[in-house]
Amino acid sequence: MRRLAVFLALSGCSFAFVSGPPPDHARLSYFDCTTSRLAPVLDTVLTGLMALNVLTLGAASDADWASSNHCNPGDPNCPAISRNGAMIIDGALGIAGAAGMIYGFSKTGACREAKHEQALRGSPQQPMPGSWPPPQGGQPQPGTWPPPQGGPPQPGTWPPPQGAPQQPGYPAPGQPQPSTPPPAQPTPPQQPAPAPAPAQ
């Protein structure tokens, strides 16, 4: 009887300990459900044990069943449950375990998939390399910066790798920017010398 009570407590435990995702989980920023598959695994073990008991009882005789319960054939109320009655109980427990197993694996699988979709919705979109400015909330990626004068940024690498030729107008990192000499002033034209006065 003690073994029967244990089997009754474990039968279909997924119905008691497993919960699937809510129907509107795609619109929720947070929800909770069961991802652990311990309960459906226990239901699977129980289903296998009950199926094995039914097969064993079906192959045994009433005398074997009485002897396994420490009874003599023909004793009143011994065993308390007949062999056929034990087969019916074990079969019912096996069916309950199989239903819990199917329910548990189905709900935990749906929960894991819903949690994965939630993680994808919550992760920020990563910008492609070379894009500038970065998308709102994203991190800037390698690209050409500052852009060439008068034009939009072009894909490239900035700062340039060590040893690479420098483009005009872009000093190497850590070096002072060369000063631009002032533009040359135009030379004023020379005035012609005055002619000498005629002699009197």
N, C-alpha and C. Protein backbone atom coordinates (compact mmCIF):
# COMPACT_ATOMS: atom_id res chain seq x y z
N MET A 1 0.82 -1.20 0.00
CA MET A 1 0.00 0.00 0.00
C MET A 1 0.86 1.26 0.00
N ARG A 2 2.00 1.19 0.68
CA ARG A 2 2.88 2.35 0.70
C ARG A 2 3.40 2.65 -0.70
N ARG A 3 3.74 1.56 -1.44
CA ARG A 3 4.21 1.77 -2.80
C ARG A 3 3.12 2.36 -3.67
N LEU A 4 1.88 1.95 -3.45
CA LEU A 4 0.76 2.49 -4.21
C LEU A 4 0.58 3.98 -3.93
N ALA A 5 0.76 4.38 -2.67
CA ALA A 5 0.62 5.80 -2.33
C ALA A 5 1.70 6.64 -3.00
N VAL A 6 2.91 6.10 -3.07
CA VAL A 6 3.99 6.83 -3.74
C VAL A 6 3.69 6.98 -5.22
N PHE A 7 3.21 5.93 -5.86
CA PHE A 7 2.89 6.00 -7.29
C PHE A 7 1.74 6.97 -7.56
N LEU A 8 0.76 7.00 -6.64
CA LEU A 8 -0.34 7.94 -6.81
C LEU A 8 0.14 9.38 -6.70
N ALA A 9 1.12 9.61 -5.79
CA ALA A 9 1.64 10.98 -5.62
C ALA A 9 2.45 11.42 -6.82
N LEU A 10 3.14 10.48 -7.46
CA LEU A 10 4.00 10.83 -8.60
C LEU A 10 3.27 10.82 -9.93
N SER A 11 2.08 10.21 -9.97
CA SER A 11 1.40 10.03 -11.24
C SER A 11 0.98 11.38 -11.82
N GLY A 12 1.42 11.65 -13.04
CA GLY A 12 1.04 12.89 -13.72
C GLY A 12 1.51 14.13 -13.00
N CYS A 13 2.75 14.12 -12.46
CA CYS A 13 3.22 15.29 -11.70
C CYS A 13 3.46 16.50 -12.59
N SER A 14 3.54 16.31 -13.89
CA SER A 14 3.71 17.46 -14.79
C SER A 14 2.50 18.38 -14.74
N PHE A 15 1.31 17.82 -14.49
CA PHE A 15 0.11 18.66 -14.40
C PHE A 15 0.18 19.60 -13.21
N ALA A 16 0.91 19.21 -12.17
CA ALA A 16 0.99 20.05 -10.97
C ALA A 16 2.18 20.99 -10.98
N PHE A 17 3.27 20.62 -11.66
CA PHE A 17 4.51 21.38 -11.53
C PHE A 17 4.97 22.04 -12.83
N VAL A 18 4.26 21.88 -13.91
CA VAL A 18 4.69 22.45 -15.20
C VAL A 18 3.65 23.45 -15.66
N SER A 19 4.11 24.62 -16.06
CA SER A 19 3.22 25.64 -16.64
C SER A 19 3.82 26.15 -17.93
N GLY A 20 2.99 26.30 -18.95
CA GLY A 20 3.45 26.79 -20.24
C GLY A 20 3.45 28.30 -20.31
N PRO A 21 3.90 28.86 -21.43
CA PRO A 21 3.91 30.32 -21.58
C PRO A 21 2.49 30.86 -21.70
N PRO A 22 2.26 32.12 -21.31
CA PRO A 22 0.92 32.70 -21.48
C PRO A 22 0.57 32.85 -22.96
N PRO A 23 -0.72 32.88 -23.28
CA PRO A 23 -1.10 32.97 -24.70
C PRO A 23 -0.59 34.23 -25.39
N ASP A 24 -0.49 35.35 -24.66
CA ASP A 24 -0.07 36.61 -25.26
C ASP A 24 1.40 36.91 -24.94
N HIS A 25 2.23 35.87 -24.87
CA HIS A 25 3.63 36.08 -24.48
C HIS A 25 4.39 36.92 -25.50
N ALA A 26 3.95 36.94 -26.76
CA ALA A 26 4.67 37.71 -27.79
C ALA A 26 4.56 39.21 -27.54
N ARG A 27 3.56 39.65 -26.76
CA ARG A 27 3.40 41.08 -26.50
C ARG A 27 3.88 41.48 -25.11
N LEU A 28 4.39 40.53 -24.33
CA LEU A 28 4.82 40.81 -22.97
C LEU A 28 6.33 40.99 -22.92
N SER A 29 6.77 41.98 -22.13
CA SER A 29 8.20 42.19 -21.94
C SER A 29 8.80 41.18 -20.98
N TYR A 30 7.96 40.60 -20.09
CA TYR A 30 8.44 39.58 -19.16
C TYR A 30 7.30 38.62 -18.86
N PHE A 31 7.61 37.35 -18.77
CA PHE A 31 6.66 36.32 -18.34
C PHE A 31 7.47 35.17 -17.77
N ASP A 32 6.78 34.30 -17.06
CA ASP A 32 7.44 33.17 -16.43
C ASP A 32 6.72 31.88 -16.80
N CYS A 33 7.49 30.84 -17.01
CA CYS A 33 6.95 29.52 -17.30
C CYS A 33 8.02 28.49 -16.95
N THR A 34 7.72 27.21 -17.14
CA THR A 34 8.60 26.13 -16.71
C THR A 34 9.46 25.68 -17.88
N THR A 35 10.77 25.80 -17.70
CA THR A 35 11.71 25.30 -18.71
C THR A 35 12.34 23.97 -18.30
N SER A 36 12.30 23.64 -17.01
CA SER A 36 12.89 22.39 -16.53
C SER A 36 12.04 21.20 -16.95
N ARG A 37 12.69 20.13 -17.38
CA ARG A 37 11.99 18.93 -17.83
C ARG A 37 12.07 17.80 -16.80
N LEU A 38 12.30 18.15 -15.56
CA LEU A 38 12.39 17.12 -14.53
C LEU A 38 11.06 16.41 -14.34
N ALA A 39 9.95 17.16 -14.27
CA ALA A 39 8.63 16.55 -14.05
C ALA A 39 8.24 15.62 -15.19
N PRO A 40 8.35 16.00 -16.47
CA PRO A 40 8.00 15.04 -17.52
C PRO A 40 8.93 13.83 -17.57
N VAL A 41 10.18 14.01 -17.16
CA VAL A 41 11.08 12.84 -17.10
C VAL A 41 10.61 11.86 -16.03
N LEU A 42 10.18 12.38 -14.87
CA LEU A 42 9.64 11.51 -13.82
C LEU A 42 8.37 10.81 -14.30
N ASP A 43 7.53 11.52 -15.04
CA ASP A 43 6.33 10.89 -15.59
C ASP A 43 6.69 9.78 -16.57
N THR A 44 7.76 9.98 -17.33
CA THR A 44 8.20 8.96 -18.27
C THR A 44 8.66 7.71 -17.54
N VAL A 45 9.44 7.91 -16.46
CA VAL A 45 9.91 6.76 -15.66
C VAL A 45 8.73 6.02 -15.04
N LEU A 46 7.77 6.77 -14.50
CA LEU A 46 6.60 6.15 -13.90
C LEU A 46 5.81 5.35 -14.92
N THR A 47 5.65 5.90 -16.12
CA THR A 47 4.90 5.20 -17.17
C THR A 47 5.57 3.88 -17.52
N GLY A 48 6.91 3.90 -17.62
CA GLY A 48 7.63 2.67 -17.91
C GLY A 48 7.49 1.63 -16.81
N LEU A 49 7.54 2.07 -15.54
CA LEU A 49 7.40 1.12 -14.43
C LEU A 49 6.00 0.51 -14.39
N MET A 50 4.98 1.33 -14.62
CA MET A 50 3.62 0.81 -14.59
C MET A 50 3.38 -0.17 -15.75
N ALA A 51 3.91 0.13 -16.90
CA ALA A 51 3.77 -0.80 -18.02
C ALA A 51 4.47 -2.12 -17.72
N LEU A 52 5.63 -2.05 -17.08
CA LEU A 52 6.35 -3.27 -16.72
C LEU A 52 5.57 -4.07 -15.67
N ASN A 53 4.95 -3.39 -14.70
CA ASN A 53 4.14 -4.09 -13.69
C ASN A 53 2.95 -4.81 -14.32
N VAL A 54 2.29 -4.15 -15.27
CA VAL A 54 1.13 -4.77 -15.92
C VAL A 54 1.56 -6.03 -16.66
N LEU A 55 2.68 -5.95 -17.36
CA LEU A 55 3.16 -7.13 -18.09
C LEU A 55 3.54 -8.25 -17.13
N THR A 56 4.17 -7.89 -16.00
CA THR A 56 4.59 -8.91 -15.03
C THR A 56 3.38 -9.58 -14.39
N LEU A 57 2.37 -8.78 -14.02
CA LEU A 57 1.17 -9.34 -13.41
C LEU A 57 0.39 -10.20 -14.40
N GLY A 58 0.41 -9.78 -15.67
CA GLY A 58 -0.30 -10.58 -16.66
C GLY A 58 0.34 -11.94 -16.88
N ALA A 59 1.64 -12.03 -16.71
CA ALA A 59 2.33 -13.30 -16.90
C ALA A 59 2.33 -14.17 -15.65
N ALA A 60 1.98 -13.59 -14.48
CA ALA A 60 2.00 -14.34 -13.22
C ALA A 60 0.63 -14.99 -12.98
N SER A 61 0.60 -15.89 -11.99
CA SER A 61 -0.65 -16.54 -11.58
C SER A 61 -1.13 -15.94 -10.26
N ASP A 62 -2.37 -16.32 -9.86
CA ASP A 62 -2.90 -15.82 -8.59
C ASP A 62 -2.06 -16.33 -7.42
N ALA A 63 -1.54 -17.56 -7.52
CA ALA A 63 -0.71 -18.09 -6.44
C ALA A 63 0.59 -17.30 -6.34
N ASP A 64 1.18 -16.97 -7.47
CA ASP A 64 2.40 -16.16 -7.43
C ASP A 64 2.13 -14.79 -6.81
N TRP A 65 0.97 -14.20 -7.15
CA TRP A 65 0.63 -12.88 -6.61
C TRP A 65 0.43 -12.96 -5.09
N ALA A 66 -0.24 -14.05 -4.63
CA ALA A 66 -0.44 -14.21 -3.18
C ALA A 66 0.89 -14.43 -2.48
N SER A 67 1.76 -15.22 -3.08
CA SER A 67 3.06 -15.48 -2.45
C SER A 67 3.91 -14.21 -2.38
N SER A 68 3.85 -13.35 -3.41
CA SER A 68 4.63 -12.12 -3.39
C SER A 68 4.13 -11.15 -2.33
N ASN A 69 2.87 -11.29 -1.88
CA ASN A 69 2.31 -10.45 -0.82
C ASN A 69 2.31 -11.17 0.53
N HIS A 70 3.10 -12.25 0.64
CA HIS A 70 3.24 -13.02 1.88
C HIS A 70 1.91 -13.60 2.33
N CYS A 71 1.15 -14.13 1.39
CA CYS A 71 -0.14 -14.74 1.68
C CYS A 71 -0.15 -16.17 1.13
N ASN A 72 -1.08 -16.95 1.63
CA ASN A 72 -1.31 -18.28 1.11
C ASN A 72 -2.54 -18.25 0.23
N PRO A 73 -2.54 -19.01 -0.84
CA PRO A 73 -3.73 -19.02 -1.70
C PRO A 73 -4.97 -19.42 -0.90
N GLY A 74 -6.03 -18.66 -1.04
CA GLY A 74 -7.29 -18.94 -0.34
C GLY A 74 -7.45 -18.21 0.96
N ASP A 75 -6.41 -17.49 1.45
CA ASP A 75 -6.56 -16.74 2.69
C ASP A 75 -7.55 -15.60 2.48
N PRO A 76 -8.45 -15.38 3.44
CA PRO A 76 -9.41 -14.27 3.29
C PRO A 76 -8.71 -12.91 3.39
N ASN A 77 -9.08 -12.03 2.47
CA ASN A 77 -8.56 -10.66 2.43
C ASN A 77 -7.02 -10.62 2.34
N CYS A 78 -6.44 -11.62 1.78
CA CYS A 78 -4.99 -11.63 1.61
C CYS A 78 -4.69 -12.31 0.27
N PRO A 79 -4.13 -11.55 -0.65
CA PRO A 79 -3.75 -10.14 -0.57
C PRO A 79 -4.97 -9.22 -0.60
N ALA A 80 -4.74 -7.97 -0.16
CA ALA A 80 -5.86 -7.03 -0.08
C ALA A 80 -6.38 -6.67 -1.46
N ILE A 81 -5.52 -6.67 -2.46
CA ILE A 81 -5.92 -6.35 -3.84
C ILE A 81 -5.63 -7.59 -4.68
N SER A 82 -6.61 -7.96 -5.47
CA SER A 82 -6.41 -9.12 -6.34
C SER A 82 -5.43 -8.79 -7.46
N ARG A 83 -5.00 -9.82 -8.12
CA ARG A 83 -4.05 -9.62 -9.22
C ARG A 83 -4.67 -8.80 -10.33
N ASN A 84 -5.92 -9.08 -10.66
CA ASN A 84 -6.59 -8.30 -11.71
C ASN A 84 -6.79 -6.85 -11.27
N GLY A 85 -7.13 -6.67 -10.00
CA GLY A 85 -7.29 -5.31 -9.50
C GLY A 85 -5.97 -4.53 -9.54
N ALA A 86 -4.86 -5.21 -9.23
CA ALA A 86 -3.55 -4.55 -9.30
C ALA A 86 -3.20 -4.18 -10.73
N MET A 87 -3.58 -5.02 -11.67
CA MET A 87 -3.30 -4.71 -13.08
C MET A 87 -4.10 -3.47 -13.51
N ILE A 88 -5.35 -3.37 -13.04
CA ILE A 88 -6.15 -2.20 -13.41
C ILE A 88 -5.56 -0.92 -12.82
N ILE A 89 -5.13 -0.99 -11.54
CA ILE A 89 -4.56 0.20 -10.90
C ILE A 89 -3.26 0.61 -11.58
N ASP A 90 -2.39 -0.37 -11.84
CA ASP A 90 -1.11 -0.03 -12.50
C ASP A 90 -1.34 0.51 -13.90
N GLY A 91 -2.33 -0.04 -14.61
CA GLY A 91 -2.62 0.48 -15.94
C GLY A 91 -3.12 1.92 -15.90
N ALA A 92 -3.98 2.23 -14.90
CA ALA A 92 -4.48 3.60 -14.77
C ALA A 92 -3.36 4.57 -14.42
N LEU A 93 -2.45 4.14 -13.53
CA LEU A 93 -1.31 5.00 -13.20
C LEU A 93 -0.40 5.21 -14.41
N GLY A 94 -0.23 4.16 -15.20
CA GLY A 94 0.60 4.30 -16.40
C GLY A 94 -0.01 5.26 -17.40
N ILE A 95 -1.34 5.22 -17.55
CA ILE A 95 -2.00 6.15 -18.47
C ILE A 95 -1.87 7.59 -17.97
N ALA A 96 -2.03 7.77 -16.65
CA ALA A 96 -1.87 9.12 -16.09
C ALA A 96 -0.43 9.61 -16.27
N GLY A 97 0.54 8.73 -16.07
CA GLY A 97 1.94 9.12 -16.28
C GLY A 97 2.23 9.48 -17.73
N ALA A 98 1.64 8.71 -18.66
CA ALA A 98 1.86 9.01 -20.08
C ALA A 98 1.24 10.35 -20.46
N ALA A 99 0.04 10.64 -19.91
CA ALA A 99 -0.58 11.94 -20.20
C ALA A 99 0.26 13.07 -19.63
N GLY A 100 0.78 12.90 -18.40
CA GLY A 100 1.64 13.93 -17.82
C GLY A 100 2.93 14.10 -18.60
N MET A 101 3.48 12.99 -19.09
CA MET A 101 4.71 13.06 -19.89
C MET A 101 4.49 13.88 -21.15
N ILE A 102 3.39 13.62 -21.87
CA ILE A 102 3.11 14.37 -23.10
C ILE A 102 2.87 15.84 -22.78
N TYR A 103 2.08 16.09 -21.74
CA TYR A 103 1.79 17.48 -21.36
C TYR A 103 3.06 18.21 -20.94
N GLY A 104 3.89 17.57 -20.13
CA GLY A 104 5.10 18.22 -19.62
C GLY A 104 6.09 18.56 -20.72
N PHE A 105 6.36 17.61 -21.60
CA PHE A 105 7.32 17.89 -22.68
C PHE A 105 6.78 18.93 -23.64
N SER A 106 5.46 18.93 -23.87
CA SER A 106 4.88 19.92 -24.77
C SER A 106 4.98 21.33 -24.19
N LYS A 107 4.64 21.49 -22.91
CA LYS A 107 4.64 22.81 -22.30
C LYS A 107 6.06 23.34 -22.08
N THR A 108 6.98 22.49 -21.66
CA THR A 108 8.35 22.97 -21.47
C THR A 108 9.00 23.33 -22.81
N GLY A 109 8.68 22.59 -23.86
CA GLY A 109 9.20 22.95 -25.18
C GLY A 109 8.66 24.29 -25.65
N ALA A 110 7.35 24.52 -25.43
CA ALA A 110 6.77 25.81 -25.82
C ALA A 110 7.36 26.94 -24.98
N CYS A 111 7.64 26.67 -23.70
CA CYS A 111 8.22 27.71 -22.85
C CYS A 111 9.63 28.06 -23.31
N ARG A 112 10.42 27.08 -23.64
CA ARG A 112 11.78 27.36 -24.10
C ARG A 112 11.77 28.16 -25.39
N GLU A 113 10.88 27.82 -26.29
CA GLU A 113 10.80 28.56 -27.55
C GLU A 113 10.35 30.00 -27.31
N ALA A 114 9.37 30.19 -26.40
CA ALA A 114 8.90 31.54 -26.10
C ALA A 114 9.99 32.37 -25.42
N LYS A 115 10.77 31.76 -24.53
CA LYS A 115 11.87 32.46 -23.89
C LYS A 115 12.94 32.86 -24.90
N HIS A 116 13.19 31.99 -25.88
CA HIS A 116 14.17 32.31 -26.93
C HIS A 116 13.69 33.50 -27.76
N GLU A 117 12.41 33.52 -28.11
CA GLU A 117 11.88 34.65 -28.87
C GLU A 117 11.94 35.93 -28.05
N GLN A 118 11.69 35.84 -26.75
CA GLN A 118 11.77 37.01 -25.90
C GLN A 118 13.20 37.55 -25.85
N ALA A 119 14.19 36.65 -25.80
CA ALA A 119 15.59 37.10 -25.78
C ALA A 119 15.95 37.79 -27.09
N LEU A 120 15.42 37.29 -28.21
CA LEU A 120 15.71 37.94 -29.49
C LEU A 120 15.06 39.32 -29.57
N ARG A 121 13.86 39.46 -29.01
CA ARG A 121 13.20 40.77 -29.02
C ARG A 121 13.92 41.76 -28.14
N GLY A 122 14.53 41.29 -27.06
CA GLY A 122 15.18 42.19 -26.12
C GLY A 122 16.57 42.60 -26.50
N SER A 123 17.24 41.87 -27.41
CA SER A 123 18.61 42.20 -27.78
C SER A 123 18.61 43.34 -28.79
N PRO A 124 19.47 44.38 -28.60
CA PRO A 124 19.53 45.49 -29.56
C PRO A 124 20.10 45.04 -30.90
N GLN A 125 19.61 45.67 -31.95
CA GLN A 125 20.10 45.35 -33.29
C GLN A 125 21.51 45.88 -33.47
N GLN A 126 22.42 45.03 -33.92
CA GLN A 126 23.80 45.42 -34.12
C GLN A 126 23.98 46.07 -35.49
N PRO A 127 24.62 47.24 -35.56
CA PRO A 127 24.82 47.88 -36.86
C PRO A 127 25.87 47.15 -37.68
N MET A 128 25.81 47.34 -38.95
CA MET A 128 26.77 46.74 -39.86
C MET A 128 28.07 47.52 -39.81
N PRO A 129 29.21 46.85 -40.01
CA PRO A 129 30.49 47.56 -40.00
C PRO A 129 30.53 48.65 -41.07
N GLY A 130 31.09 49.81 -40.70
CA GLY A 130 31.22 50.91 -41.63
C GLY A 130 30.08 51.88 -41.62
N SER A 131 29.00 51.59 -40.83
CA SER A 131 27.85 52.49 -40.84
C SER A 131 28.08 53.63 -39.87
N TRP A 132 27.70 54.81 -40.29
CA TRP A 132 27.82 56.00 -39.44
C TRP A 132 26.74 57.00 -39.85
N PRO A 133 26.00 57.60 -38.96
CA PRO A 133 26.08 57.39 -37.50
C PRO A 133 25.45 56.07 -37.11
N PRO A 134 25.76 55.53 -35.93
CA PRO A 134 25.19 54.24 -35.53
C PRO A 134 23.72 54.38 -35.27
N PRO A 135 22.96 53.26 -35.36
CA PRO A 135 21.53 53.32 -35.05
C PRO A 135 21.31 53.75 -33.63
N GLN A 136 20.11 54.29 -33.37
CA GLN A 136 19.80 54.80 -32.04
C GLN A 136 19.90 53.69 -31.02
N GLY A 137 20.70 53.90 -29.99
CA GLY A 137 20.89 52.90 -28.96
C GLY A 137 21.98 51.90 -29.27
N GLY A 138 22.60 51.95 -30.46
CA GLY A 138 23.64 51.01 -30.81
C GLY A 138 25.02 51.58 -30.58
N GLN A 139 26.04 50.80 -30.80
CA GLN A 139 27.42 51.21 -30.63
C GLN A 139 28.03 51.49 -31.99
N PRO A 140 28.85 52.56 -32.10
CA PRO A 140 29.49 52.83 -33.39
C PRO A 140 30.44 51.72 -33.78
N GLN A 141 30.47 51.41 -35.04
CA GLN A 141 31.32 50.37 -35.59
C GLN A 141 32.44 51.00 -36.39
N PRO A 142 33.51 50.23 -36.68
CA PRO A 142 34.62 50.80 -37.43
C PRO A 142 34.15 51.38 -38.76
N GLY A 143 34.65 52.54 -39.11
CA GLY A 143 34.30 53.18 -40.37
C GLY A 143 35.18 54.38 -40.60
N THR A 144 34.93 55.10 -41.65
CA THR A 144 35.72 56.28 -41.96
C THR A 144 35.25 57.44 -41.12
N TRP A 145 36.13 57.96 -40.29
CA TRP A 145 35.78 59.12 -39.47
C TRP A 145 37.06 59.83 -39.07
N PRO A 146 37.19 61.10 -39.26
CA PRO A 146 36.15 61.99 -39.80
C PRO A 146 35.96 61.79 -41.29
N PRO A 147 34.81 62.18 -41.84
CA PRO A 147 34.58 61.98 -43.28
C PRO A 147 35.41 62.97 -44.09
N PRO A 148 35.63 62.65 -45.37
CA PRO A 148 36.33 63.60 -46.24
C PRO A 148 35.58 64.92 -46.31
N GLN A 149 36.34 66.00 -46.56
CA GLN A 149 35.73 67.32 -46.59
C GLN A 149 34.72 67.40 -47.72
N GLY A 150 33.54 67.84 -47.34
CA GLY A 150 32.50 68.05 -48.34
C GLY A 150 31.79 66.80 -48.78
N GLY A 151 32.03 65.65 -48.15
CA GLY A 151 31.38 64.43 -48.59
C GLY A 151 30.93 63.59 -47.41
N PRO A 152 30.04 62.63 -47.64
CA PRO A 152 29.57 61.77 -46.55
C PRO A 152 30.66 60.75 -46.19
N PRO A 153 30.56 60.11 -45.01
CA PRO A 153 31.54 59.08 -44.63
C PRO A 153 31.53 57.92 -45.61
N GLN A 154 32.68 57.41 -45.92
CA GLN A 154 32.81 56.27 -46.80
C GLN A 154 33.28 55.06 -45.98
N PRO A 155 32.90 53.85 -46.39
CA PRO A 155 33.36 52.66 -45.64
C PRO A 155 34.88 52.60 -45.65
N GLY A 156 35.45 52.23 -44.56
CA GLY A 156 36.90 52.13 -44.44
C GLY A 156 37.29 51.86 -43.01
N THR A 157 38.47 52.17 -42.65
CA THR A 157 38.96 51.94 -41.30
C THR A 157 39.60 53.20 -40.78
N TRP A 158 39.21 53.61 -39.59
CA TRP A 158 39.83 54.76 -38.95
C TRP A 158 40.00 54.46 -37.49
N PRO A 159 41.14 54.69 -36.89
CA PRO A 159 42.36 55.16 -37.55
C PRO A 159 42.97 54.09 -38.44
N PRO A 160 43.78 54.49 -39.44
CA PRO A 160 44.34 53.49 -40.36
C PRO A 160 45.29 52.57 -39.62
N PRO A 161 45.47 51.34 -40.11
CA PRO A 161 46.39 50.40 -39.44
C PRO A 161 47.82 50.91 -39.49
N GLN A 162 48.62 50.41 -38.53
CA GLN A 162 50.02 50.84 -38.44
C GLN A 162 50.77 50.44 -39.70
N GLY A 163 51.54 51.37 -40.25
CA GLY A 163 52.32 51.08 -41.45
C GLY A 163 51.60 51.33 -42.73
N ALA A 164 50.29 51.64 -42.68
CA ALA A 164 49.54 51.89 -43.91
C ALA A 164 49.81 53.32 -44.38
N PRO A 165 49.80 53.55 -45.69
CA PRO A 165 50.03 54.92 -46.18
C PRO A 165 48.91 55.83 -45.74
N GLN A 166 49.28 57.03 -45.35
CA GLN A 166 48.32 58.00 -44.88
C GLN A 166 47.70 58.75 -46.06
N GLN A 167 46.43 59.02 -45.93
CA GLN A 167 45.75 59.80 -46.95
C GLN A 167 46.03 61.28 -46.72
N PRO A 168 46.10 62.06 -47.77
CA PRO A 168 46.36 63.50 -47.58
C PRO A 168 45.27 64.13 -46.73
N GLY A 169 45.70 64.94 -45.82
CA GLY A 169 44.75 65.64 -44.96
C GLY A 169 44.45 64.91 -43.67
N TYR A 170 45.05 63.70 -43.46
CA TYR A 170 44.78 62.92 -42.27
C TYR A 170 46.10 62.56 -41.63
N PRO A 171 46.52 63.27 -40.59
CA PRO A 171 47.79 62.93 -39.94
C PRO A 171 47.68 61.61 -39.20
N ALA A 172 48.82 60.98 -38.97
CA ALA A 172 48.85 59.72 -38.22
C ALA A 172 48.46 59.99 -36.79
N PRO A 173 47.86 59.01 -36.12
CA PRO A 173 47.45 59.22 -34.73
C PRO A 173 48.65 59.55 -33.85
N GLY A 174 48.50 60.54 -32.98
CA GLY A 174 49.56 60.91 -32.05
C GLY A 174 50.52 61.94 -32.58
N GLN A 175 50.46 62.29 -33.88
CA GLN A 175 51.37 63.28 -34.45
C GLN A 175 50.64 64.61 -34.60
N PRO A 176 51.37 65.74 -34.41
CA PRO A 176 50.70 67.05 -34.56
C PRO A 176 50.31 67.31 -36.00
N GLN A 177 49.22 67.99 -36.15
CA GLN A 177 48.76 68.31 -37.50
C GLN A 177 49.61 69.44 -38.07
N PRO A 178 50.18 69.29 -39.28
CA PRO A 178 51.03 70.34 -39.86
C PRO A 178 50.23 71.60 -40.09
N SER A 179 50.92 72.73 -39.79
CA SER A 179 50.25 74.02 -39.97
C SER A 179 50.28 74.43 -41.44
N THR A 180 49.23 75.09 -41.85
CA THR A 180 49.12 75.53 -43.24
C THR A 180 49.73 76.92 -43.38
N PRO A 181 50.73 77.09 -44.27
CA PRO A 181 51.34 78.42 -44.42
C PRO A 181 50.33 79.42 -44.95
N PRO A 182 50.46 80.67 -44.53
CA PRO A 182 49.51 81.68 -45.02
C PRO A 182 49.67 81.89 -46.51
N PRO A 183 48.61 82.26 -47.19
CA PRO A 183 48.70 82.46 -48.64
C PRO A 183 49.60 83.68 -48.97
N ALA A 184 50.33 83.56 -50.09
CA ALA A 184 51.24 84.64 -50.50
C ALA A 184 50.45 85.88 -50.91
N GLN A 185 50.93 87.06 -50.46
CA GLN A 185 50.28 88.32 -50.82
C GLN A 185 50.75 88.77 -52.21
N PRO A 186 49.86 89.27 -53.03
CA PRO A 186 50.27 89.71 -54.37
C PRO A 186 51.18 90.95 -54.29
N THR A 187 52.21 90.98 -55.12
CA THR A 187 53.15 92.12 -55.16
C THR A 187 52.54 93.29 -55.94
N PRO A 188 52.52 94.51 -55.33
CA PRO A 188 51.91 95.65 -56.06
C PRO A 188 52.76 96.03 -57.27
N PRO A 189 52.14 96.47 -58.34
CA PRO A 189 52.91 96.84 -59.54
C PRO A 189 53.77 98.09 -59.27
N GLN A 190 54.98 98.09 -59.86
CA GLN A 190 55.91 99.23 -59.67
C GLN A 190 55.44 100.43 -60.52
N GLN A 191 55.56 101.64 -59.91
CA GLN A 191 55.18 102.87 -60.61
C GLN A 191 56.36 103.30 -61.51
N PRO A 192 56.09 103.80 -62.73
CA PRO A 192 57.17 104.25 -63.62
C PRO A 192 57.85 105.53 -63.05
N ALA A 193 59.15 105.63 -63.24
CA ALA A 193 59.93 106.82 -62.73
C ALA A 193 59.47 108.07 -63.50
N PRO A 194 59.37 109.23 -62.82
CA PRO A 194 58.97 110.46 -63.53
C PRO A 194 60.01 110.92 -64.56
N ALA A 195 59.56 111.46 -65.65
CA ALA A 195 60.48 111.91 -66.72
C ALA A 195 61.21 113.17 -66.26
N PRO A 196 62.50 113.38 -66.66
CA PRO A 196 63.24 114.59 -66.26
C PRO A 196 62.65 115.84 -66.94
N ALA A 197 62.73 116.95 -66.19
CA ALA A 197 62.20 118.21 -66.74
C ALA A 197 63.09 118.70 -67.88
N PRO A 198 62.58 119.37 -68.93
CA PRO A 198 63.41 119.86 -70.03
C PRO A 198 64.29 121.02 -69.57
N ALA A 199 65.49 121.15 -70.12
CA ALA A 199 66.42 122.24 -69.72
C ALA A 199 65.94 123.58 -70.29
N GLN A 200 66.13 124.69 -69.58
CA GLN A 200 65.74 126.03 -70.01
C GLN A 200 66.82 126.68 -70.82
